[in-house]
Amino acid sequence: MIFTEVLKSCWLTTLIGSILLTAGACVLFWNESRAINTTLSLDEAFNDAFTVSAEQLYDKSVEGKLIHLNGPIVTGEPLTEPDYNIQVQAVKLKRRVQMYQWIEEHVENNYGESVASVHTEDRTYYYTTDWRDELVDSRSFYIRSGHHNPTSFPLESMVYVSERVHIGQYELGDALKERFKTFVEITSDTRPEDPTVKLHSGLYYHCNDIWNPEIGDVRIQFAYAGLEGSMYTVVGKLESGKIVPYESSRSKKVLLIYPGELSLHDVFKLEHHAKRMLTWGWRLIGWIMLFLSATCSSAVLQYITSQSRMLRQFVPDPTFPVSTNLMMSFSLALAIISFAWIIHRPMLGGGILVAAVSPFLYCARSLFNNYQRMD
């Protein structure tokens, strides 16, 4: 069978393999470039950082420099929701509003009968009720009669942010306050003054019966993040008394915040670990793309290697395509990674490149042995 006939028989899978190959290579190279810039920026920031004490007076000598600081959070005025007797000294107060609404669901090619369902030729529609954070547009329902939702929320979800947050004499900038994302639910027993609002398990219900809610009823939940007095460690640039993002020479912004009292070395160690986990996640995605690419193109690759005695020495037994695809995708992934690192860290990049080609060299040992016997 000639090459054109092989290509005609599997052109679609080969095309998909080519697309996956390009996508996987781009993902891996982008990920490694990002990882390199992040690693070098963190190393630069670690060398430039100064540790200051939250207990001492404001140190003007570190103005405009990268500082490392830890201490208890201090907020200004408390964040409040007077209608619900909520008052908390924290960086953030979140109000989560849910509405009881109709929900449309369907089952594809389900011709059985079900309660409150509508049967069509291709799918079965049925309608249930549940609490939802977002507005469900009932105008797009297949059966709108009897399934009407309100067109707006009577009260919107929102997050209140404290205007001023300090650690000692140093104020946290807006970017740092945005990093407070771990919320703790408020379970207050203080009932609101409005008798129509019912309190149950920390939820405030605007309804007649919390056990039998009606369409349009609302319930509200409150949570806070960054409670005053909690210990935090931050690393950022001190600018006009505020801690703001630090921009490295590689145009990467460095701004770190972790709960607890951590040393400069420990906080950067945690940040490096978090970035490594993200990098390895993207590496796995890129390698899977390359493996699927090799699997889709296996027929063409097997034909090419079968026509060349020399190429056959550099790949495993073609009768086991899975092992061949694994080796090729793994080696190609390592080669792409090495090209990204070899400029910035030649020793590391060179070692990765050697690891990438070593399986092929191992498979080619028989070719080397043949040359020795011929000599």
Protein backbone atom coordinates (compact mmCIF):
# COMPACT_ATOMS: atom_id res chain seq x y z
CA MET A 1 0.00 0.00 0.00
CA ILE A 2 1.41 3.39 -0.97
CA PHE A 3 1.50 6.41 1.34
CA THR A 4 -1.32 8.30 -0.43
CA GLU A 5 -3.67 5.35 0.01
CA VAL A 6 -2.82 5.13 3.71
CA LEU A 7 -3.40 8.86 4.10
CA LYS A 8 -6.75 8.68 2.28
CA SER A 9 -7.94 5.90 4.58
CA CYS A 10 -7.22 7.88 7.76
CA TRP A 11 -7.08 11.51 6.69
CA LEU A 12 -9.62 12.69 9.27
CA THR A 13 -7.86 11.15 12.28
CA THR A 14 -4.52 12.40 10.93
CA LEU A 15 -5.94 15.91 10.63
CA ILE A 16 -7.27 15.74 14.19
CA GLY A 17 -3.87 14.47 15.30
CA SER A 18 -2.12 17.39 13.61
CA ILE A 19 -4.43 19.87 15.33
CA LEU A 20 -3.87 18.19 18.71
CA LEU A 21 -0.12 18.20 18.09
CA THR A 22 -0.11 21.93 17.41
CA ALA A 23 -2.38 22.67 20.36
CA GLY A 24 -0.40 20.47 22.75
CA ALA A 25 2.92 21.99 21.69
CA CYS A 26 1.53 25.52 22.12
CA VAL A 27 0.11 24.69 25.57
CA LEU A 28 3.40 23.19 26.74
CA PHE A 29 5.56 26.02 25.41
CA TRP A 30 3.21 28.70 26.80
CA ASN A 31 3.09 26.93 30.17
CA GLU A 32 6.87 26.63 30.42
CA SER A 33 7.36 30.26 29.38
CA ARG A 34 4.90 31.30 32.06
CA ALA A 35 6.57 29.05 34.63
CA ILE A 36 10.02 30.46 33.78
CA ASN A 37 8.85 34.06 34.06
CA THR A 38 7.04 33.31 37.32
CA THR A 39 9.99 31.46 38.86
CA LEU A 40 12.52 34.13 37.91
CA SER A 41 10.18 36.90 39.09
CA LEU A 42 9.68 35.20 42.47
CA ASP A 43 13.43 34.71 42.83
CA GLU A 44 13.99 38.38 42.00
CA ALA A 45 11.33 39.45 44.50
CA PHE A 46 12.80 37.21 47.21
CA ASN A 47 16.22 38.86 46.78
CA ASP A 48 14.73 42.39 46.79
CA ALA A 49 12.34 41.98 49.75
CA PHE A 50 12.85 43.65 53.14
CA THR A 51 11.24 42.38 56.33
CA VAL A 52 9.55 45.06 58.40
CA SER A 53 7.84 44.81 61.78
CA ALA A 54 4.17 45.63 62.21
CA GLU A 55 4.81 46.68 65.80
CA GLN A 56 7.25 49.45 64.91
CA LEU A 57 6.48 52.89 63.55
CA TYR A 58 6.16 53.48 59.83
CA ASP A 59 9.59 53.07 58.24
CA LYS A 60 10.00 55.65 55.47
CA SER A 61 13.30 54.12 54.39
CA VAL A 62 11.48 51.22 52.72
CA GLU A 63 9.11 53.46 50.77
CA GLY A 64 8.96 52.24 47.15
CA LYS A 65 10.56 48.90 48.03
CA LEU A 66 9.25 45.35 48.30
CA ILE A 67 8.44 44.53 51.92
CA HIS A 68 7.57 41.40 53.88
CA LEU A 69 5.19 41.97 56.77
CA ASN A 70 3.12 39.86 59.12
CA GLY A 71 0.72 40.70 61.89
CA PRO A 72 -2.97 40.92 62.85
CA ILE A 73 -5.53 42.44 60.49
CA VAL A 74 -7.00 45.76 61.68
CA THR A 75 -10.12 47.12 59.97
CA GLY A 76 -11.86 50.46 60.29
CA GLU A 77 -15.62 50.79 60.60
CA PRO A 78 -17.51 47.49 60.87
CA LEU A 79 -19.32 46.15 57.85
CA THR A 80 -23.05 46.08 58.51
CA GLU A 81 -26.43 44.98 57.20
CA PRO A 82 -28.73 46.88 59.54
CA ASP A 83 -31.93 45.31 58.19
CA TYR A 84 -30.70 41.92 59.43
CA ASN A 85 -28.72 43.03 62.51
CA ILE A 86 -25.45 41.92 60.90
CA GLN A 87 -22.28 43.65 62.02
CA VAL A 88 -18.78 42.22 61.57
CA GLN A 89 -15.23 43.57 61.79
CA ALA A 90 -13.71 42.01 58.69
CA VAL A 91 -12.17 42.82 55.34
CA LYS A 92 -15.21 41.56 53.41
CA LEU A 93 -18.88 40.87 54.05
CA LYS A 94 -20.72 38.89 51.40
CA ARG A 95 -24.47 38.88 50.94
CA ARG A 96 -25.69 35.88 48.95
CA VAL A 97 -29.26 36.10 47.69
CA GLN A 98 -31.17 33.10 46.33
CA MET A 99 -34.66 32.99 44.83
CA TYR A 100 -37.07 30.07 44.65
CA GLN A 101 -37.71 29.48 40.94
CA TRP A 102 -38.95 27.09 38.29
CA ILE A 103 -36.20 24.99 36.70
CA GLU A 104 -36.61 23.34 33.29
CA GLU A 105 -34.81 20.06 32.64
CA HIS A 106 -34.99 17.56 29.85
CA VAL A 107 -33.95 14.03 28.99
CA GLU A 108 -32.78 13.25 25.47
CA ASN A 109 -34.65 10.46 23.65
CA ASN A 110 -36.61 9.50 26.75
CA TYR A 111 -40.02 8.25 25.68
CA GLY A 112 -41.19 7.17 29.11
CA GLU A 113 -43.84 8.99 31.09
CA SER A 114 -42.91 11.09 34.11
CA VAL A 115 -44.72 13.34 36.55
CA ALA A 116 -45.16 16.95 35.42
CA SER A 117 -43.43 16.21 32.12
CA VAL A 118 -44.08 17.15 28.53
CA HIS A 119 -43.16 14.70 25.79
CA THR A 120 -41.80 15.75 22.40
CA GLU A 121 -40.37 13.76 19.55
CA ASP A 122 -36.73 14.00 20.70
CA ARG A 123 -36.79 14.76 24.41
CA THR A 124 -38.90 14.82 27.55
CA TYR A 125 -39.27 18.09 29.46
CA TYR A 126 -40.06 18.29 33.14
CA TYR A 127 -40.19 21.13 35.63
CA THR A 128 -38.97 21.33 39.21
CA THR A 129 -38.48 24.11 41.75
CA ASP A 130 -35.30 24.99 43.60
CA TRP A 131 -33.28 27.84 45.09
CA ARG A 132 -31.00 29.55 42.55
CA ASP A 133 -28.40 32.33 42.79
CA GLU A 134 -29.05 33.49 39.23
CA LEU A 135 -32.27 34.48 37.54
CA VAL A 136 -33.81 31.65 35.51
CA ASP A 137 -35.49 33.05 32.39
CA SER A 138 -38.81 31.24 32.14
CA ARG A 139 -39.55 32.92 28.80
CA SER A 140 -37.28 30.35 27.13
CA PHE A 141 -39.15 27.37 28.64
CA TYR A 142 -40.73 24.91 26.25
CA ILE A 143 -43.97 25.12 28.26
CA ARG A 144 -44.32 28.61 29.74
CA SER A 145 -47.87 28.29 31.04
CA GLY A 146 -47.80 27.75 34.79
CA HIS A 147 -44.01 28.10 34.96
CA HIS A 148 -43.43 31.83 35.33
CA ASN A 149 -40.41 33.17 37.21
CA PRO A 150 -39.94 36.78 38.36
CA THR A 151 -37.98 38.96 35.96
CA SER A 152 -35.64 40.39 38.62
CA PHE A 153 -34.33 39.84 42.14
CA PRO A 154 -35.84 42.08 44.80
CA LEU A 155 -32.40 42.15 46.45
CA GLU A 156 -29.04 41.64 44.74
CA SER A 157 -26.07 39.63 45.93
CA MET A 158 -23.04 41.77 46.71
CA VAL A 159 -19.75 41.95 48.59
CA TYR A 160 -18.92 44.80 50.96
CA VAL A 161 -15.21 45.64 51.30
CA SER A 162 -13.76 47.54 54.22
CA GLU A 163 -12.48 50.95 53.17
CA ARG A 164 -9.29 50.76 55.24
CA VAL A 165 -7.42 47.62 56.27
CA HIS A 166 -4.07 47.74 58.08
CA ILE A 167 -1.37 45.49 59.41
CA GLY A 168 0.34 47.69 61.94
CA GLN A 169 1.05 51.06 60.33
CA TYR A 170 0.85 49.68 56.80
CA GLU A 171 -2.36 49.85 54.77
CA LEU A 172 -3.38 47.06 52.41
CA GLY A 173 -4.14 48.18 48.87
CA ASP A 174 -7.23 47.21 46.88
CA ALA A 175 -5.41 44.36 45.10
CA LEU A 176 -4.50 42.79 48.43
CA LYS A 177 -8.03 43.12 49.78
CA GLU A 178 -9.30 41.30 46.70
CA ARG A 179 -7.15 38.30 47.71
CA PHE A 180 -9.39 37.61 50.71
CA LYS A 181 -11.59 34.91 49.16
CA THR A 182 -12.04 32.34 51.94
CA PHE A 183 -15.46 33.15 53.37
CA VAL A 184 -16.91 31.89 56.65
CA GLU A 185 -20.68 31.75 57.04
CA ILE A 186 -22.26 33.93 59.71
CA THR A 187 -24.64 31.92 61.91
CA SER A 188 -26.16 34.65 64.05
CA ASP A 189 -29.05 33.98 66.42
CA THR A 190 -30.10 37.64 66.46
CA ARG A 191 -33.39 37.94 64.63
CA PRO A 192 -34.06 40.96 62.40
CA GLU A 193 -36.57 43.56 63.52
CA ASP A 194 -38.78 42.93 60.50
CA PRO A 195 -41.29 40.27 61.60
CA THR A 196 -41.81 39.09 58.02
CA VAL A 197 -38.18 37.90 57.82
CA LYS A 198 -37.64 34.43 59.26
CA LEU A 199 -34.29 33.11 60.53
CA HIS A 200 -33.37 29.44 60.25
CA SER A 201 -29.86 27.86 60.35
CA GLY A 202 -28.20 31.19 59.56
CA LEU A 203 -30.47 31.87 56.55
CA TYR A 204 -32.88 34.80 56.40
CA TYR A 205 -36.11 33.90 54.58
CA HIS A 206 -38.47 36.38 52.96
CA CYS A 207 -41.44 34.03 52.73
CA ASN A 208 -44.59 32.93 54.51
CA ASP A 209 -43.47 29.35 55.18
CA ILE A 210 -39.82 28.31 55.03
CA TRP A 211 -40.85 24.64 54.66
CA ASN A 212 -43.18 25.34 51.73
CA PRO A 213 -41.65 28.23 49.79
CA GLU A 214 -43.40 29.80 46.83
CA ILE A 215 -42.03 30.99 43.50
CA GLY A 216 -40.35 34.37 44.03
CA ASP A 217 -39.51 33.81 47.71
CA VAL A 218 -36.01 34.89 48.70
CA ARG A 219 -33.46 33.68 51.22
CA ILE A 220 -30.23 35.44 52.22
CA GLN A 221 -26.97 34.13 53.62
CA PHE A 222 -24.09 36.22 55.00
CA ALA A 223 -20.39 35.37 55.19
CA TYR A 224 -17.20 37.21 56.06
CA ALA A 225 -13.55 36.99 55.01
CA GLY A 226 -10.50 38.37 56.78
CA LEU A 227 -11.74 38.69 60.36
CA GLU A 228 -10.10 41.45 62.35
CA GLY A 229 -7.34 40.13 64.58
CA SER A 230 -6.46 37.23 62.25
CA MET A 231 -2.75 36.83 61.55
CA TYR A 232 -1.65 37.29 57.93
CA THR A 233 1.64 37.51 56.07
CA VAL A 234 1.90 39.80 53.05
CA VAL A 235 4.60 40.62 50.52
CA GLY A 236 4.19 43.65 48.29
CA LYS A 237 5.56 47.01 47.28
CA LEU A 238 5.14 49.89 49.70
CA GLU A 239 3.82 52.90 47.81
CA SER A 240 2.54 56.01 49.61
CA GLY A 241 1.85 53.98 52.72
CA LYS A 242 -0.07 51.24 50.88
CA ILE A 243 1.05 47.75 49.98
CA VAL A 244 0.50 47.29 46.23
CA PRO A 245 1.69 44.78 43.59
CA TYR A 246 5.43 44.70 42.88
CA GLU A 247 6.38 44.51 39.20
CA SER A 248 9.50 42.51 38.43
CA SER A 249 11.95 43.16 35.60
CA ARG A 250 10.04 40.50 33.60
CA SER A 251 6.78 42.52 33.89
CA LYS A 252 5.31 39.97 36.33
CA LYS A 253 3.36 41.31 39.29
CA VAL A 254 4.23 39.83 42.67
CA LEU A 255 1.76 40.25 45.52
CA LEU A 256 1.52 37.52 48.14
CA ILE A 257 -0.78 36.99 51.09
CA TYR A 258 -1.04 33.91 53.30
CA PRO A 259 -2.80 33.30 56.62
CA GLY A 260 -0.55 32.90 59.62
CA GLU A 261 2.77 34.34 60.70
CA LEU A 262 5.33 33.20 58.10
CA SER A 263 8.95 34.07 57.52
CA LEU A 264 10.11 35.53 54.21
CA HIS A 265 11.58 32.18 53.18
CA ASP A 266 8.42 30.24 54.09
CA VAL A 267 6.00 32.52 52.24
CA PHE A 268 8.02 32.28 49.01
CA LYS A 269 8.34 28.53 49.47
CA LEU A 270 4.55 28.24 49.63
CA GLU A 271 4.13 30.44 46.55
CA HIS A 272 6.66 28.39 44.57
CA HIS A 273 4.80 25.21 45.55
CA ALA A 274 1.44 26.65 44.44
CA LYS A 275 2.89 27.73 41.08
CA ARG A 276 4.53 24.33 40.56
CA MET A 277 1.22 22.56 41.09
CA LEU A 278 -0.39 24.81 38.47
CA THR A 279 2.51 24.21 36.07
CA TRP A 280 2.27 20.43 36.43
CA GLY A 281 -1.46 20.58 35.80
CA TRP A 282 -0.91 22.31 32.46
CA ARG A 283 1.93 19.91 31.64
CA LEU A 284 -0.45 17.00 32.10
CA ILE A 285 -3.00 18.64 29.80
CA GLY A 286 -0.35 19.27 27.13
CA TRP A 287 0.99 15.72 27.31
CA ILE A 288 -2.52 14.25 26.99
CA MET A 289 -2.98 16.31 23.81
CA LEU A 290 0.29 14.96 22.40
CA PHE A 291 -0.64 11.38 23.32
CA LEU A 292 -4.03 11.71 21.63
CA SER A 293 -2.27 13.25 18.63
CA ALA A 294 0.09 10.27 18.36
CA THR A 295 -2.85 7.89 18.75
CA CYS A 296 -4.82 9.58 15.96
CA SER A 297 -1.77 9.58 13.68
CA SER A 298 -0.56 6.08 14.58
CA ALA A 299 -1.55 4.53 11.23
CA VAL A 300 0.51 7.04 9.23
CA LEU A 301 3.43 6.84 11.67
CA GLN A 302 3.46 3.05 11.53
CA TYR A 303 3.51 3.14 7.73
CA ILE A 304 6.40 5.65 7.67
CA THR A 305 8.51 3.64 10.11
CA SER A 306 7.75 0.35 8.35
CA GLN A 307 9.17 1.71 5.08
CA SER A 308 12.53 2.65 6.60
CA ARG A 309 14.86 0.14 8.21
CA MET A 310 16.73 2.88 10.05
CA LEU A 311 13.61 4.53 11.49
CA ARG A 312 12.41 1.16 12.76
CA GLN A 313 15.43 1.05 15.06
CA PHE A 314 14.37 4.25 16.83
CA VAL A 315 10.85 3.23 17.89
CA PRO A 316 9.48 0.34 19.93
CA ASP A 317 7.84 -2.67 18.34
CA PRO A 318 5.09 -1.21 16.08
CA THR A 319 2.86 -4.16 16.97
CA PHE A 320 2.37 -2.44 20.34
CA PRO A 321 1.07 1.02 19.30
CA VAL A 322 0.14 2.12 22.81
CA SER A 323 3.73 1.87 24.06
CA THR A 324 4.97 3.63 20.93
CA ASN A 325 2.48 6.48 21.36
CA LEU A 326 3.35 6.83 25.04
CA MET A 327 7.07 7.04 24.32
CA MET A 328 6.71 9.47 21.43
CA SER A 329 4.32 11.81 23.24
CA PHE A 330 6.38 11.75 26.44
CA SER A 331 9.66 12.40 24.61
CA LEU A 332 8.13 15.18 22.50
CA ALA A 333 6.69 16.82 25.61
CA LEU A 334 10.10 16.72 27.31
CA ALA A 335 11.77 18.15 24.19
CA ILE A 336 9.35 21.10 24.07
CA ILE A 337 9.87 21.74 27.77
CA SER A 338 13.66 21.60 27.37
CA PHE A 339 13.62 24.18 24.54
CA ALA A 340 11.82 26.62 26.84
CA TRP A 341 14.25 26.11 29.75
CA ILE A 342 17.56 25.72 27.95
CA ILE A 343 17.99 29.47 27.37
CA HIS A 344 17.44 30.45 31.00
CA ARG A 345 18.87 27.39 32.75
CA PRO A 346 21.11 25.51 30.30
CA MET A 347 22.02 22.67 32.66
CA LEU A 348 18.39 21.93 33.50
CA GLY A 349 17.23 22.28 29.90
CA GLY A 350 20.06 20.10 28.62
CA GLY A 351 19.25 17.39 31.14
CA ILE A 352 15.58 17.40 30.10
CA LEU A 353 16.60 17.19 26.42
CA VAL A 354 18.83 14.17 27.12
CA ALA A 355 15.90 12.51 28.91
CA ALA A 356 13.70 13.26 25.89
CA VAL A 357 15.97 11.52 23.37
CA SER A 358 17.16 8.68 25.62
CA PRO A 359 14.27 6.29 24.76
CA PHE A 360 15.07 6.61 21.05
CA LEU A 361 18.76 6.04 21.70
CA TYR A 362 17.90 2.97 23.74
CA CYS A 363 15.76 1.60 20.90
CA ALA A 364 18.60 2.30 18.44
CA ARG A 365 21.11 0.13 20.31
CA SER A 366 20.51 -2.72 17.84
CA LEU A 367 21.58 -0.45 14.96
CA PHE A 368 24.80 0.33 16.80
CA ASN A 369 25.39 -3.37 17.49
CA ASN A 370 24.93 -4.16 13.79
CA TYR A 371 27.57 -1.62 12.84
CA GLN A 372 29.96 -3.15 15.35
CA ARG A 373 29.45 -6.64 13.91
CA MET A 374 30.02 -5.30 10.39
CA ASP A 375 33.32 -3.76 11.50
